[in-house]
C-alpha atoms as a PDB file:
ATOM      1  CA  UNK A   1     109.746 144.077  91.007  1.00  0.00           C
ATOM      2  CA  UNK A   2     111.527 141.472  88.676  1.00  0.00           C
ATOM      3  CA  UNK A   3     110.880 138.148  90.166  1.00  0.00           C
ATOM      4  CA  UNK A   4     107.595 138.891  91.363  1.00  0.00           C
ATOM      5  CA  UNK A   5     104.572 136.314  90.764  1.00  0.00           C
ATOM      6  CA  UNK A   6     101.005 137.607  90.608  1.00  0.00           C
ATOM      7  CA  UNK A   7      97.399 135.985  89.968  1.00  0.00           C
ATOM      8  CA  UNK A   8      94.785 136.653  88.273  1.00  0.00           C
ATOM      9  CA  UNK A   9      91.488 135.181  89.497  1.00  0.00           C
ATOM     10  CA  UNK A  10      89.157 133.495  86.927  1.00  0.00           C
ATOM     11  CA  UNK A  11      85.738 135.064  86.968  1.00  0.00           C
ATOM     12  CA  UNK A  12      84.244 133.223  84.376  1.00  0.00           C
ATOM     13  CA  UNK A  13      81.248 131.149  85.309  1.00  0.00           C
ATOM     14  CA  UNK A  14      82.252 127.729  85.463  1.00  0.00           C
ATOM     15  CA  UNK A  15      81.497 125.698  82.613  1.00  0.00           C
ATOM     16  CA  UNK A  16      78.994 122.903  83.144  1.00  0.00           C
ATOM     17  CA  UNK A  17      80.803 119.093  82.626  1.00  0.00           C
ATOM     18  CA  UNK A  18      79.732 116.826  79.857  1.00  0.00           C
ATOM     19  CA  UNK A  19      77.347 113.923  80.904  1.00  0.00           C
ATOM     20  CA  UNK A  20      79.023 110.626  80.578  1.00  0.00           C
ATOM     21  CA  UNK A  21      77.847 107.274  80.885  1.00  0.00           C
ATOM     22  CA  UNK A  22      79.352 105.005  83.764  1.00  0.00           C
ATOM     23  CA  UNK A  23      82.087 103.105  83.199  1.00  0.00           C
ATOM     24  CA  UNK A  24      81.036  99.403  82.500  1.00  0.00           C
ATOM     25  CA  UNK A  25      82.791  97.092  85.317  1.00  0.00           C
ATOM     26  CA  UNK A  26      85.528  94.544  83.640  1.00  0.00           C
ATOM     27  CA  UNK A  27      85.332  91.244  83.489  1.00  0.00           C
ATOM     28  CA  UNK A  28      86.924  89.451  86.290  1.00  0.00           C
ATOM     29  CA  UNK A  29      89.663  87.603  85.182  1.00  0.00           C
ATOM     30  CA  UNK A  30      92.717  85.179  86.064  1.00  0.00           C
ATOM     31  CA  UNK A  31      96.042  87.117  85.857  1.00  0.00           C
ATOM     32  CA  UNK A  32      98.047  85.840  82.935  1.00  0.00           C
ATOM     33  CA  UNK A  33     101.570  85.361  83.069  1.00  0.00           C
ATOM     34  CA  UNK A  34     102.202  89.138  81.269  1.00  0.00           C
ATOM     35  CA  UNK A  35      99.746  91.024  83.396  1.00  0.00           C
ATOM     36  CA  UNK A  36     101.053  89.184  86.385  1.00  0.00           C
ATOM     37  CA  UNK A  37     104.680  90.471  86.147  1.00  0.00           C
ATOM     38  CA  UNK A  38     103.509  94.512  85.483  1.00  0.00           C
ATOM     39  CA  UNK A  39     101.611  94.149  89.410  1.00  0.00           C
ATOM     40  CA  UNK A  40     104.446  95.545  91.619  1.00  0.00           C
ATOM     41  CA  UNK A  41     106.359  93.515  93.657  1.00  0.00           C
ATOM     42  CA  UNK A  42     105.806  94.054  97.629  1.00  0.00           C
ATOM     43  CA  UNK A  43     108.882  95.168  98.075  1.00  0.00           C
ATOM     44  CA  UNK A  44     108.406  97.837  95.387  1.00  0.00           C
ATOM     45  CA  UNK A  45     105.397  99.213  97.255  1.00  0.00           C
ATOM     46  CA  UNK A  46     105.943 102.891  98.512  1.00  0.00           C
ATOM     47  CA  UNK A  47     106.323 104.051 102.094  1.00  0.00           C
ATOM     48  CA  UNK A  48     102.982 104.730 103.706  1.00  0.00           C
ATOM     49  CA  UNK A  49     102.979 107.912 105.566  1.00  0.00           C
ATOM     50  CA  UNK A  50     100.783 109.368 108.033  1.00  0.00           C
ATOM     51  CA  UNK A  51     100.577 113.020 109.212  1.00  0.00           C
ATOM     52  CA  UNK A  52      98.292 114.446 111.239  1.00  0.00           C
ATOM     53  CA  UNK A  53      98.687 118.433 111.026  1.00  0.00           C
ATOM     54  CA  UNK A  54      98.852 121.080 113.539  1.00  0.00           C
ATOM     55  CA  UNK A  55      95.405 121.471 115.362  1.00  0.00           C
ATOM     56  CA  UNK A  56      94.068 118.160 114.242  1.00  0.00           C
ATOM     57  CA  UNK A  57      93.190 115.703 117.130  1.00  0.00           C
ATOM     58  CA  UNK A  58      92.982 112.495 116.410  1.00  0.00           C
ATOM     59  CA  UNK A  59      91.622 110.065 119.158  1.00  0.00           C
ATOM     60  CA  UNK A  60      90.689 106.473 119.755  1.00  0.00           C
ATOM     61  CA  UNK A  61      91.951 104.968 116.539  1.00  0.00           C
ATOM     62  CA  UNK A  62      94.402 101.609 116.200  1.00  0.00           C
ATOM     63  CA  UNK A  63      96.683 102.430 113.357  1.00  0.00           C
ATOM     64  CA  UNK A  64      98.499  99.995 111.501  1.00  0.00           C
ATOM     65  CA  UNK A  65     100.444  99.412 108.273  1.00  0.00           C
ATOM     66  CA  UNK A  66     101.545 102.707 108.411  1.00  0.00           C
ATOM     67  CA  UNK A  67     105.632 103.254 107.725  1.00  0.00           C
ATOM     68  CA  UNK A  68     105.805 106.941 109.386  1.00  0.00           C
ATOM     69  CA  UNK A  69     103.624 108.948 111.435  1.00  0.00           C
ATOM     70  CA  UNK A  70     103.723 112.389 111.884  1.00  0.00           C
ATOM     71  CA  UNK A  71     102.513 113.905 114.835  1.00  0.00           C
ATOM     72  CA  UNK A  72     102.355 117.670 114.599  1.00  0.00           C
ATOM     73  CA  UNK A  73      98.991 118.042 116.197  1.00  0.00           C
ATOM     74  CA  UNK A  74      97.508 115.382 119.110  1.00  0.00           C
ATOM     75  CA  UNK A  75      97.256 111.842 118.877  1.00  0.00           C
ATOM     76  CA  UNK A  76      95.457 109.190 121.067  1.00  0.00           C
ATOM     77  CA  UNK A  77      96.135 105.643 119.797  1.00  0.00           C
ATOM     78  CA  UNK A  78      97.702 102.480 119.797  1.00  0.00           C
ATOM     79  CA  UNK A  79     100.446 102.322 116.973  1.00  0.00           C
ATOM     80  CA  UNK A  80     102.638  99.391 115.279  1.00  0.00           C
ATOM     81  CA  UNK A  81     105.016 100.643 112.892  1.00  0.00           C
ATOM     82  CA  UNK A  82     107.971 101.805 111.792  1.00  0.00           C
ATOM     83  CA  UNK A  83     108.784 105.089 112.476  1.00  0.00           C
ATOM     84  CA  UNK A  84     106.972 107.661 114.668  1.00  0.00           C
ATOM     85  CA  UNK A  85     107.768 111.384 114.399  1.00  0.00           C
ATOM     86  CA  UNK A  86     106.411 113.742 117.437  1.00  0.00           C
ATOM     87  CA  UNK A  87     107.422 117.121 116.088  1.00  0.00           C
ATOM     88  CA  UNK A  88     107.759 119.875 118.843  1.00  0.00           C
ATOM     89  CA  UNK A  89     104.325 121.037 119.297  1.00  0.00           C
ATOM     90  CA  UNK A  90     103.444 117.478 118.982  1.00  0.00           C
ATOM     91  CA  UNK A  91     101.534 115.353 121.546  1.00  0.00           C
ATOM     92  CA  UNK A  92     101.200 111.351 121.140  1.00  0.00           C
ATOM     93  CA  UNK A  93      99.162 109.644 124.331  1.00  0.00           C
ATOM     94  CA  UNK A  94      98.962 105.938 124.103  1.00  0.00           C
ATOM     95  CA  UNK A  95     100.776 102.670 123.378  1.00  0.00           C
ATOM     96  CA  UNK A  96     103.070 102.235 120.305  1.00  0.00           C
ATOM     97  CA  UNK A  97     104.971  99.638 119.176  1.00  0.00           C
ATOM     98  CA  UNK A  98     108.277 101.040 117.220  1.00  0.00           C
ATOM     99  CA  UNK A  99     111.284 100.529 115.272  1.00  0.00           C
ATOM    100  CA  UNK A 100     112.792 104.374 115.532  1.00  0.00           C
ATOM    101  CA  UNK A 101     110.753 107.166 117.989  1.00  0.00           C
ATOM    102  CA  UNK A 102     112.205 110.918 117.492  1.00  0.00           C
ATOM    103  CA  UNK A 103     110.441 112.855 119.935  1.00  0.00           C
ATOM    104  CA  UNK A 104     110.624 116.568 119.430  1.00  0.00           C
ATOM    105  CA  UNK A 105     107.307 117.090 121.581  1.00  0.00           C
ATOM    106  CA  UNK A 106     105.223 115.144 124.778  1.00  0.00           C
ATOM    107  CA  UNK A 107     105.164 111.549 124.347  1.00  0.00           C
ATOM    108  CA  UNK A 108     102.890 109.841 127.495  1.00  0.00           C
ATOM    109  CA  UNK A 109     102.246 105.962 127.851  1.00  0.00           C
ATOM    110  CA  UNK A 110     103.968 102.795 126.835  1.00  0.00           C
ATOM    111  CA  UNK A 111     106.800 103.526 124.157  1.00  0.00           C
ATOM    112  CA  UNK A 112     108.516 100.319 122.530  1.00  0.00           C
ATOM    113  CA  UNK A 113     111.314 101.261 120.099  1.00  0.00           C
ATOM    114  CA  UNK A 114     113.020  98.305 118.952  1.00  0.00           C
ATOM    115  CA  UNK A 115     115.711 100.038 117.269  1.00  0.00           C
ATOM    116  CA  UNK A 116     116.470 103.041 118.233  1.00  0.00           C
ATOM    117  CA  UNK A 117     114.754 105.994 120.882  1.00  0.00           C
ATOM    118  CA  UNK A 118     115.867 109.609 120.127  1.00  0.00           C
ATOM    119  CA  UNK A 119     114.675 111.988 122.783  1.00  0.00           C
ATOM    120  CA  UNK A 120     115.396 115.682 121.580  1.00  0.00           C
ATOM    121  CA  UNK A 121     116.246 119.205 123.816  1.00  0.00           C
ATOM    122  CA  UNK A 122     112.295 120.332 123.623  1.00  0.00           C
ATOM    123  CA  UNK A 123     110.903 116.574 124.310  1.00  0.00           C
ATOM    124  CA  UNK A 124     108.801 115.369 127.188  1.00  0.00           C
ATOM    125  CA  UNK A 125     108.682 111.217 127.315  1.00  0.00           C
ATOM    126  CA  UNK A 126     106.990 110.149 130.500  1.00  0.00           C
ATOM    127  CA  UNK A 127     105.544 106.375 130.674  1.00  0.00           C
ATOM    128  CA  UNK A 128     106.542 102.660 130.171  1.00  0.00           C
ATOM    129  CA  UNK A 129     109.876 102.998 128.278  1.00  0.00           C
ATOM    130  CA  UNK A 130     111.872 100.417 126.182  1.00  0.00           C
ATOM    131  CA  UNK A 131     114.480 100.685 124.230  1.00  0.00           C
ATOM    132  CA  UNK A 132     117.207  99.352 121.595  1.00  0.00           C
ATOM    133  CA  UNK A 133     119.298 101.956 121.729  1.00  0.00           C
ATOM    134  CA  UNK A 134     118.430 105.580 123.123  1.00  0.00           C
ATOM    135  CA  UNK A 135     119.688 109.101 122.488  1.00  0.00           C
ATOM    136  CA  UNK A 136     118.864 111.687 124.787  1.00  0.00           C
ATOM    137  CA  UNK A 137     119.705 115.882 124.070  1.00  0.00           C
ATOM    138  CA  UNK A 138     120.698 117.703 127.163  1.00  0.00           C
ATOM    139  CA  UNK A 139     117.168 119.542 128.288  1.00  0.00           C
ATOM    140  CA  UNK A 140     115.529 116.366 127.418  1.00  0.00           C
ATOM    141  CA  UNK A 141     113.204 114.752 129.493  1.00  0.00           C
ATOM    142  CA  UNK A 142     112.625 110.974 130.054  1.00  0.00           C
ATOM    143  CA  UNK A 143     110.522 109.985 133.614  1.00  0.00           C
ATOM    144  CA  UNK A 144     109.107 106.781 134.109  1.00  0.00           C
ATOM    145  CA  UNK A 145     109.785 102.954 134.267  1.00  0.00           C
ATOM    146  CA  UNK A 146     112.306 102.983 131.542  1.00  0.00           C
ATOM    147  CA  UNK A 147     114.532  99.891 130.303  1.00  0.00           C
ATOM    148  CA  UNK A 148     116.632  98.847 127.490  1.00  0.00           C
ATOM    149  CA  UNK A 149     115.802  95.543 125.548  1.00  0.00           C
ATOM    150  CA  UNK A 150     117.852  93.130 124.092  1.00  0.00           C
ATOM    151  CA  UNK A 151     117.896  91.943 120.252  1.00  0.00           C
ATOM    152  CA  UNK A 152     115.060  89.426 121.057  1.00  0.00           C
ATOM    153  CA  UNK A 153     112.932  91.783 122.663  1.00  0.00           C
ATOM    154  CA  UNK A 154     113.005  90.654 126.369  1.00  0.00           C
ATOM    155  CA  UNK A 155     114.031  92.744 128.525  1.00  0.00           C
ATOM    156  CA  UNK A 156     117.748  93.095 128.926  1.00  0.00           C
ATOM    157  CA  UNK A 157     118.008  95.396 132.612  1.00  0.00           C
ATOM    158  CA  UNK A 158     116.473  96.254 135.560  1.00  0.00           C
ATOM    159  CA  UNK A 159     113.968  98.720 135.475  1.00  0.00           C
ATOM    160  CA  UNK A 160     114.971 102.362 135.959  1.00  0.00           C
ATOM    161  CA  UNK A 161     112.545 104.647 137.689  1.00  0.00           C
ATOM    162  CA  UNK A 162     113.053 108.224 137.156  1.00  0.00           C
ATOM    163  CA  UNK A 163     110.618 110.115 139.032  1.00  0.00           C
ATOM    164  CA  UNK A 164     108.868 113.276 137.419  1.00  0.00           C
ATOM    165  CA  UNK A 165     109.580 116.722 137.385  1.00  0.00           C
ATOM    166  CA  UNK A 166     107.346 119.727 138.152  1.00  0.00           C
ATOM    167  CA  UNK A 167     107.100 121.074 134.659  1.00  0.00           C
END
């Protein structure tokens, strides 16, 4: 049994926490050059990431200021972000304006991938689709009003209408 890890349940009753008076609110003061230098610059901020886990349904929202949205459950929303990743069992319905979309699951709605749209073999993408670059794996389904966009964001080619196939 070398390498096995065991956990013992704590059966002791919880200890009461000591009473603490709330700290007084600090007085507002303008930042000094020394404190201003300690504040992180906007480019130093960490990536914001939202994960909608399996069995979670997020409906009727507008998602903004999210660098990466990972969809493992179901999302019905509008999104303007940098990256969206839809997992194999994930479903997104709505309107998306994004830099990079990587889809393993289902998407229904209006999708604009300003840089790259990646449709994996397990993906089903339906609706009005615009993309900068497109990669579709064999078996991936892409159907609807589909067109490339140029760097200025304008439509570069005439829309290609691909009929939906029965699933």
